[in-house]
Protein backbone atom coordinates (compact mmCIF):
# COMPACT_ATOMS: atom_id res chain seq x y z
CA MET A 1 208.74 259.43 53.39
CA ALA A 2 212.19 259.54 51.42
CA GLU A 3 212.84 263.15 52.05
CA ARG A 4 212.20 262.67 55.72
CA ALA A 5 214.34 259.62 56.14
CA ILE A 6 217.17 261.43 54.27
CA ARG A 7 217.06 264.50 56.57
CA GLU A 8 217.07 262.44 59.87
CA ARG A 9 220.08 260.41 59.04
CA LEU A 10 222.35 263.47 57.56
CA ARG A 11 225.37 264.16 59.42
CA GLU A 12 225.85 268.23 59.99
CA LEU A 13 228.69 269.42 58.02
CA PRO A 14 230.98 271.21 60.23
CA ALA A 15 231.55 274.99 60.10
CA GLU A 16 234.71 276.68 59.19
CA VAL A 17 235.94 280.45 59.48
CA ARG A 18 236.84 281.81 56.03
CA PRO A 19 238.12 285.29 54.88
CA LEU A 20 235.05 287.07 53.36
CA ASP A 21 236.31 286.84 49.65
CA GLN A 22 236.25 283.39 49.96
CA CYS A 23 232.79 282.92 51.25
CA VAL A 24 230.32 283.35 48.20
CA GLY A 25 228.12 280.78 47.55
CA ARG A 26 228.64 279.42 51.27
CA THR A 27 226.22 278.87 54.15
CA LEU A 28 226.47 281.41 56.70
CA ARG A 29 226.77 279.51 60.30
CA GLN A 30 226.85 282.63 62.52
CA ASP A 31 224.53 285.73 62.85
CA VAL A 32 225.93 288.91 62.14
CA TYR A 33 225.41 292.13 63.86
CA ALA A 34 225.93 295.54 63.06
CA GLU A 35 229.11 297.03 64.51
CA ARG A 36 227.35 300.42 64.89
CA ASP A 37 224.47 302.42 63.68
CA ASN A 38 223.79 301.76 60.04
CA PRO A 39 224.38 304.44 58.48
CA PRO A 40 226.42 305.72 61.16
CA PHE A 41 225.50 309.23 60.66
CA ASP A 42 222.69 311.26 59.04
CA ARG A 43 223.32 310.61 55.65
CA VAL A 44 222.97 312.70 52.60
CA CYS A 45 221.45 310.77 49.71
CA MET A 46 221.35 313.32 46.65
CA ASP A 47 223.91 315.82 45.29
CA GLY A 48 222.85 319.30 46.07
CA ILE A 49 222.37 321.81 48.92
CA ALA A 50 221.68 321.23 52.73
CA VAL A 51 219.53 323.91 54.62
CA THR A 52 217.72 324.32 57.43
CA SER A 53 213.78 323.37 57.17
CA ALA A 54 213.18 326.43 59.34
CA ALA A 55 213.93 328.49 56.03
CA ARG A 56 210.81 326.56 54.12
CA GLY A 57 209.75 329.99 52.91
CA GLN A 58 212.88 331.05 51.43
CA ARG A 59 213.79 330.73 47.89
CA THR A 60 217.32 331.89 47.43
CA PHE A 61 220.34 330.78 49.11
CA THR A 62 224.31 331.70 49.45
CA ILE A 63 226.46 328.75 49.69
CA GLU A 64 228.92 329.29 52.42
CA ALA A 65 230.75 325.83 52.29
CA THR A 66 231.13 322.57 50.76
CA GLN A 67 230.37 318.88 52.59
CA PRO A 68 232.12 316.02 50.63
CA ALA A 69 231.59 312.66 51.25
CA GLY A 70 234.20 310.94 53.84
CA ALA A 71 234.82 314.42 55.52
CA PRO A 72 233.85 315.21 59.05
CA ALA A 73 230.68 317.38 59.51
CA VAL A 74 230.72 320.95 58.96
CA ARG A 75 228.37 323.35 60.65
CA LEU A 76 225.91 326.12 58.91
CA SER A 77 226.81 329.14 60.38
CA ILE A 78 224.20 331.40 58.98
CA PRO A 79 220.54 329.73 58.92
CA ARG A 80 219.72 331.75 55.76
CA ASN A 81 222.82 329.97 53.77
CA ALA A 82 223.07 326.66 52.39
CA ILE A 83 225.89 324.30 52.21
CA GLU A 84 226.70 322.05 49.05
CA VAL A 85 226.48 318.57 49.54
CA MET A 86 227.64 315.20 47.94
CA THR A 87 225.74 311.98 47.91
CA GLY A 88 227.02 309.88 50.92
CA ALA A 89 228.34 312.80 52.99
CA VAL A 90 227.55 313.41 56.39
CA LEU A 91 224.57 315.75 56.86
CA PRO A 92 225.89 319.34 57.90
CA LEU A 93 225.28 320.13 61.39
CA GLY A 94 222.82 322.81 61.66
CA THR A 95 220.79 321.35 58.40
CA ASP A 96 218.07 318.89 58.13
CA CYS A 97 216.87 319.06 54.49
CA VAL A 98 218.61 318.25 51.15
CA ILE A 99 217.55 320.02 47.71
CA PRO A 100 219.04 318.28 44.73
CA VAL A 101 220.70 320.00 42.21
CA GLU A 102 217.84 319.13 39.61
CA GLU A 103 215.68 321.74 41.59
CA TYR A 104 217.70 324.77 41.74
CA GLU A 105 219.92 327.08 39.34
CA LEU A 106 223.30 328.07 40.94
CA THR A 107 224.91 331.24 39.75
CA ALA A 108 228.09 332.58 41.30
CA GLY A 109 227.67 330.88 44.63
CA ALA A 110 223.96 331.84 44.91
CA VAL A 111 221.05 329.43 44.53
CA ALA A 112 217.77 330.15 43.32
CA LEU A 113 214.93 327.39 43.96
CA HIS A 114 212.79 326.23 41.20
CA ASP A 115 208.69 326.86 41.63
CA GLN A 116 207.19 324.17 43.70
CA VAL A 117 210.49 322.75 45.35
CA VAL A 118 209.45 321.75 49.09
CA ILE A 119 211.37 322.31 51.88
CA GLU A 120 210.73 319.70 54.88
CA PRO A 121 212.66 318.14 57.66
CA TYR A 122 214.98 314.98 56.63
CA ARG A 123 214.14 315.36 52.84
CA ASN A 124 216.47 313.21 51.10
CA VAL A 125 218.25 312.44 54.53
CA GLN A 126 218.63 308.70 55.41
CA ARG A 127 218.72 308.90 59.12
CA ARG A 128 221.16 307.11 61.45
CA GLY A 129 220.37 303.67 62.64
CA SER A 130 217.66 303.58 60.20
CA ASP A 131 218.75 300.44 58.58
CA SER A 132 220.08 298.71 61.65
CA ARG A 133 221.61 299.27 65.22
CA PRO A 134 224.09 297.17 67.19
CA GLY A 135 222.55 294.14 68.80
CA VAL A 136 220.11 293.36 66.30
CA PRO A 137 221.18 290.91 64.02
CA MET A 138 221.04 291.84 60.16
CA LEU A 139 221.71 288.33 58.64
CA ARG A 140 220.79 285.11 60.53
CA ALA A 141 222.82 281.84 60.15
CA GLY A 142 221.58 279.71 57.31
CA ILE A 143 221.38 282.25 54.59
CA ARG A 144 223.32 281.80 51.42
CA LEU A 145 225.82 284.31 50.89
CA GLY A 146 225.34 286.03 47.69
CA ALA A 147 226.79 289.55 46.47
CA PRO A 148 223.95 291.31 48.70
CA GLU A 149 224.90 289.49 51.79
CA ILE A 150 228.56 289.63 51.38
CA ALA A 151 228.23 293.55 51.38
CA VAL A 152 226.15 293.08 54.93
CA VAL A 153 228.86 291.06 56.26
CA ALA A 154 231.46 293.91 55.43
CA SER A 155 229.37 296.45 56.45
CA ALA A 156 229.83 294.92 59.94
CA GLY A 157 233.49 295.16 59.65
CA LEU A 158 233.88 291.43 59.69
CA ALA A 159 237.12 290.49 57.35
CA SER A 160 236.23 286.72 58.02
CA VAL A 161 233.07 284.80 58.90
CA SER A 162 231.85 281.17 59.98
CA VAL A 163 230.30 279.26 57.16
CA SER A 164 229.65 275.59 56.45
CA ARG A 165 232.74 273.70 55.10
CA GLN A 166 232.24 272.71 51.41
CA PRO A 167 231.27 268.90 51.38
CA THR A 168 233.73 266.58 49.34
CA LEU A 169 231.33 264.96 46.93
CA MET A 170 232.23 261.79 44.59
CA VAL A 171 230.08 261.21 41.76
CA ILE A 172 230.52 257.56 40.58
CA SER A 173 229.18 256.06 37.48
CA THR A 174 229.07 252.06 37.18
CA GLY A 175 228.85 249.97 33.94
CA ASP A 176 230.77 248.33 31.56
CA GLU A 177 228.82 249.72 28.63
CA LEU A 178 229.69 253.33 29.21
CA VAL A 179 232.53 255.20 27.58
CA ASP A 180 233.76 258.65 28.21
CA PRO A 181 233.11 261.54 25.39
CA GLY A 182 236.31 261.97 23.24
CA LYS A 183 237.14 258.23 23.40
CA PRO A 184 236.56 255.32 20.54
CA ILE A 185 233.00 253.55 21.13
CA ALA A 186 231.75 250.53 19.82
CA ASP A 187 228.27 249.59 18.51
CA HIS A 188 227.06 248.05 21.87
CA GLN A 189 228.33 250.99 24.04
CA VAL A 190 226.87 254.10 25.28
CA ARG A 191 228.28 257.51 26.23
CA ARG A 192 228.95 258.32 29.75
CA SER A 193 226.58 261.27 29.95
CA ASN A 194 224.75 261.00 33.73
CA ALA A 195 228.08 261.68 35.45
CA TYR A 196 228.67 264.86 33.49
CA ALA A 197 224.96 266.11 34.09
CA ILE A 198 225.44 265.54 37.81
CA VAL A 199 228.57 267.06 38.42
CA ALA A 200 227.40 270.01 36.24
CA ALA A 201 224.31 270.22 38.33
CA LEU A 202 226.39 269.94 41.84
CA ARG A 203 228.46 273.23 40.43
CA GLU A 204 225.77 274.89 39.34
CA HIS A 205 224.65 274.77 42.82
CA GLY A 206 227.75 276.07 44.27
CA PHE A 207 229.71 272.67 45.20
CA ASP A 208 233.23 272.84 44.09
CA GLN A 209 234.46 269.91 45.57
CA VAL A 210 233.30 267.21 43.23
CA GLY A 211 235.10 264.39 41.92
CA ASN A 212 234.29 262.03 39.00
CA ASP A 213 234.96 258.16 38.77
CA HIS A 214 233.85 255.35 36.45
CA ILE A 215 233.60 251.85 37.80
CA ALA A 216 233.18 248.71 35.65
CA ASP A 217 230.72 245.67 36.61
CA ASP A 218 233.18 244.15 38.77
CA GLU A 219 232.34 243.18 42.35
CA ASN A 220 235.99 243.23 43.59
CA THR A 221 236.83 246.32 41.98
CA LEU A 222 233.65 248.26 42.97
CA ARG A 223 234.21 247.04 46.46
CA ASP A 224 237.93 248.57 46.49
CA ARG A 225 237.00 251.91 45.14
CA LEU A 226 233.85 252.55 46.99
CA ALA A 227 235.85 251.83 50.07
CA ARG A 228 238.37 254.37 49.12
CA HIS A 229 235.72 256.95 48.43
CA LEU A 230 233.84 256.35 51.41
CA ASN A 231 237.00 257.06 53.26
CA GLU A 232 237.89 260.20 51.73
CA CYS A 233 234.46 261.66 50.99
CA ASP A 234 231.66 263.32 52.70
CA VAL A 235 228.86 262.32 49.96
CA LEU A 236 228.97 259.30 47.46
CA ILE A 237 226.52 259.66 44.62
CA LEU A 238 226.42 256.81 42.31
CA SER A 239 224.41 256.51 39.20
CA GLY A 240 223.37 252.81 38.11
CA GLY A 241 223.60 249.37 39.51
CA VAL A 242 220.93 249.70 41.94
CA SER A 243 218.09 247.99 40.36
CA LYS A 244 217.34 244.23 40.76
CA GLY A 245 219.64 242.74 37.97
CA ARG A 246 222.46 240.22 37.77
CA PHE A 247 224.66 242.95 37.38
CA ASP A 248 223.30 245.52 39.60
CA LEU A 249 225.94 244.97 42.37
CA VAL A 250 225.86 248.50 44.09
CA PRO A 251 223.47 247.52 47.19
CA LYS A 252 225.29 244.20 48.01
CA VAL A 253 228.92 245.94 47.65
CA LEU A 254 227.77 248.64 50.07
CA ARG A 255 226.31 246.22 52.44
CA ASP A 256 229.62 244.71 52.40
CA LEU A 257 231.26 247.92 53.40
CA ARG A 258 229.08 248.47 56.36
CA VAL A 259 226.79 250.97 54.71
CA GLU A 260 223.43 250.86 56.46
CA GLN A 261 221.00 250.63 53.84
CA VAL A 262 217.94 253.29 55.00
CA PHE A 263 215.82 252.78 51.95
CA HIS A 264 215.68 250.96 48.65
CA GLN A 265 212.97 251.95 46.18
CA ILE A 266 210.45 254.76 46.31
CA ALA A 267 206.81 254.78 45.34
CA GLN A 268 207.56 257.47 42.28
CA ARG A 269 208.00 257.69 38.57
CA PRO A 270 210.69 257.76 37.14
CA GLY A 271 213.15 256.94 39.88
CA MET A 272 211.57 254.13 41.83
CA PRO A 273 214.75 252.01 42.16
CA MET A 274 216.90 254.93 44.48
CA TRP A 275 218.71 253.64 47.17
CA PHE A 276 219.92 255.87 50.08
CA GLY A 277 222.32 254.67 53.11
CA ILE A 278 224.95 256.05 55.76
CA SER A 279 227.95 254.52 56.22
CA SER A 280 229.29 253.47 59.77
CA GLU A 281 231.38 256.70 59.71
CA GLY A 282 228.19 258.66 59.00
CA ARG A 283 229.19 259.25 55.11
CA ALA A 284 226.02 259.61 52.78
CA VAL A 285 225.75 257.54 49.82
CA PHE A 286 223.02 257.96 47.41
CA GLY A 287 222.43 255.14 44.58
CA LEU A 288 220.67 257.04 41.67
CA PRO A 289 218.82 254.80 38.91
CA GLY A 290 221.08 254.57 35.76
CA ASN A 291 218.50 256.05 33.39
CA PRO A 292 219.23 259.72 32.57
CA VAL A 293 215.89 261.07 33.48
CA SER A 294 215.60 259.26 36.56
CA THR A 295 219.21 260.33 37.76
CA LEU A 296 218.63 264.13 37.10
CA VAL A 297 214.94 263.77 38.95
CA CYS A 298 216.18 261.94 41.71
CA LEU A 299 219.48 264.46 42.32
CA ALA A 300 217.39 267.61 42.07
CA ARG A 301 214.36 266.00 44.51
CA TYR A 302 216.49 264.51 47.04
CA VAL A 303 220.15 264.82 46.90
CA ILE A 304 220.93 268.65 46.57
CA PRO A 305 218.35 269.62 49.13
CA ALA A 306 219.95 267.05 51.26
CA ILE A 307 223.32 268.28 50.95
CA LEU A 308 222.18 271.88 51.62
CA THR A 309 220.29 270.25 54.93
CA ALA A 310 223.91 268.95 56.12
CA MET A 311 225.45 272.79 55.43
CA GLU A 312 222.74 274.02 57.88
CA ALA A 313 221.25 276.02 54.81
CA ASP A 314 217.70 277.63 55.32
CA PRO A 315 214.96 275.36 53.53
CA VAL A 316 213.94 276.84 50.28
CA ALA A 317 210.26 278.17 49.99
CA PRO A 318 208.11 275.80 47.94
CA GLU A 319 207.56 276.95 44.33
CA THR A 320 204.23 276.24 42.71
CA VAL A 321 203.27 276.51 38.99
CA GLY A 322 199.86 275.70 37.01
CA LEU A 323 200.13 273.39 34.19
CA ALA A 324 199.52 275.00 30.82
CA SER A 325 198.22 271.90 29.25
CA GLY A 326 196.56 269.19 30.86
CA VAL A 327 197.95 265.50 31.63
CA THR A 328 195.51 263.19 30.56
CA ARG A 329 195.46 260.31 33.09
CA GLY A 330 195.88 260.02 36.76
CA ARG A 331 198.82 258.21 38.18
CA THR A 332 199.25 255.52 41.10
CA VAL A 333 202.35 256.87 42.48
CA ALA A 334 204.08 260.52 42.52
CA THR A 335 205.31 261.34 38.93
CA PHE A 336 207.66 263.94 37.99
CA VAL A 337 207.12 265.37 34.64
CA PRO A 338 209.72 267.70 33.14
CA VAL A 339 208.50 271.01 32.35
CA SER A 340 209.48 274.24 30.28
CA LEU A 341 208.16 277.61 31.42
CA ARG A 342 206.31 280.36 29.74
CA SER A 343 204.17 283.38 30.48
CA ASP A 344 200.62 282.83 31.08
CA GLY A 345 199.77 286.10 29.72
CA HIS A 346 198.75 287.49 32.96
CA GLY A 347 201.93 288.34 34.47
CA GLY A 348 202.53 284.86 35.72
CA THR A 349 204.08 281.48 34.58
CA SER A 350 202.74 278.38 33.38
CA ALA A 351 204.52 274.97 33.06
CA VAL A 352 204.64 273.21 29.81
CA PRO A 353 204.67 269.48 30.27
CA VAL A 354 207.61 267.94 28.21
CA VAL A 355 206.83 264.00 28.32
CA PRO A 356 210.03 261.88 27.64
CA ASN A 357 210.03 258.95 25.60
CA GLY A 358 210.78 256.78 28.48
CA SER A 359 213.18 257.49 31.52
CA GLY A 360 216.16 257.03 29.23
CA ASP A 361 215.16 260.14 26.74
CA PHE A 362 217.63 262.71 28.20
CA LEU A 363 217.19 264.58 24.89
CA ALA A 364 213.80 265.82 25.93
CA LEU A 365 215.19 267.32 28.93
CA ALA A 366 217.25 270.09 27.01
CA GLY A 367 215.53 273.42 27.31
CA THR A 368 213.38 272.35 30.29
CA ALA A 369 213.63 274.43 33.46
CA GLY A 370 212.89 271.44 36.00
CA PHE A 371 209.93 269.05 36.55
CA VAL A 372 206.55 269.19 38.35
CA GLU A 373 205.51 266.63 40.95
CA LEU A 374 201.87 265.10 40.28
CA PRO A 375 200.59 263.52 43.41
CA PRO A 376 199.09 260.20 43.03
CA GLN A 377 195.37 260.48 42.20
CA PRO A 378 192.88 258.36 39.91
CA ASP A 379 191.56 261.45 37.84
CA PRO A 380 193.50 263.45 34.98
CA TYR A 381 195.23 266.71 36.02
CA PRO A 382 193.80 269.48 34.28
CA GLU A 383 194.93 272.72 32.47
CA GLY A 384 195.62 274.88 35.42
CA PHE A 385 196.59 272.26 38.00
CA VAL A 386 198.88 273.63 40.62
CA ALA A 387 201.89 271.38 41.25
CA ARG A 388 205.30 271.65 43.17
CA LEU A 389 207.99 273.04 40.68
CA TYR A 390 211.60 271.59 41.45
CA ARG A 391 214.15 273.22 38.96
CA TRP A 392 217.27 271.47 37.99
């Protein structure tokens, strides 16, 4: 329900045209078509000699020419001869078979084939248009552009391409008790770690416009700073201040700033107090619980997928995994359990539950791969129980 409510209210991020070398990690917003047949010619796939398959009974050949890569096609003038060819070259005219160098002996321009060498049409030849043809999309809008996809776009002759604009994200932690690393700390204070974890997770997922702010538990200060961030950023991600305590000021301040509350609290553990709303200008605001485990779980489960949806990215296929050991009692609400992954000895992977000592036990998350979502049920979850896996 929460996931659908977020998706239905998100505003799509605009597209922009960027130079190809600045598009790594971006979401493609246009279909990409081949500019010509790919490959654009019958392509030699091995260093060796090119011959005609009509000479399949012949065992010796004389090399009459050389066909390097990047040169126009030469023509075989005598069917009983061969042309030396290089990988990536155009298949010489009059030939249709490439015999690799490992399968013959070359002496003074004469080739003697090894025993059992096969001469057949289009052996070691990639046919023209076998990968793609003009008018047929090579890539569809919505795919994330990694190295292989960038190569495809380049092969289409595109020096620039339409991609989703990177969202401007602001990570905000609230609380008088928080002190940044490297600064003096009192006995009654704690280190400000949630914000660093959130920023790291966002950058790991390819978001590079990520700000970081700390606001004390003062209503006026909180109102002023949040108003500024709402004016400047696409998405606000807050950690802390969303529960029911006296100093949990975030929901009230956001309401004062005309941010519509879409939901507050989800039937799950950890992370039940999560808050989500939309500003009058369409900015998304996520209020994550302040306990570290809750923060990271809600970020991975809801926030990062939501931002990717706003960027028009293709949905990620669900990943499931079996439990390496059982969870001994049932749950009344959906429960997120951190896990490490290990080989199950049969070519697969199983999840080892790592149960934190409460939602404040961030130390337990070190070395884990993510968490599994256990659906509510009265019975325990046995070894082998298959659950949805969410990676950090």
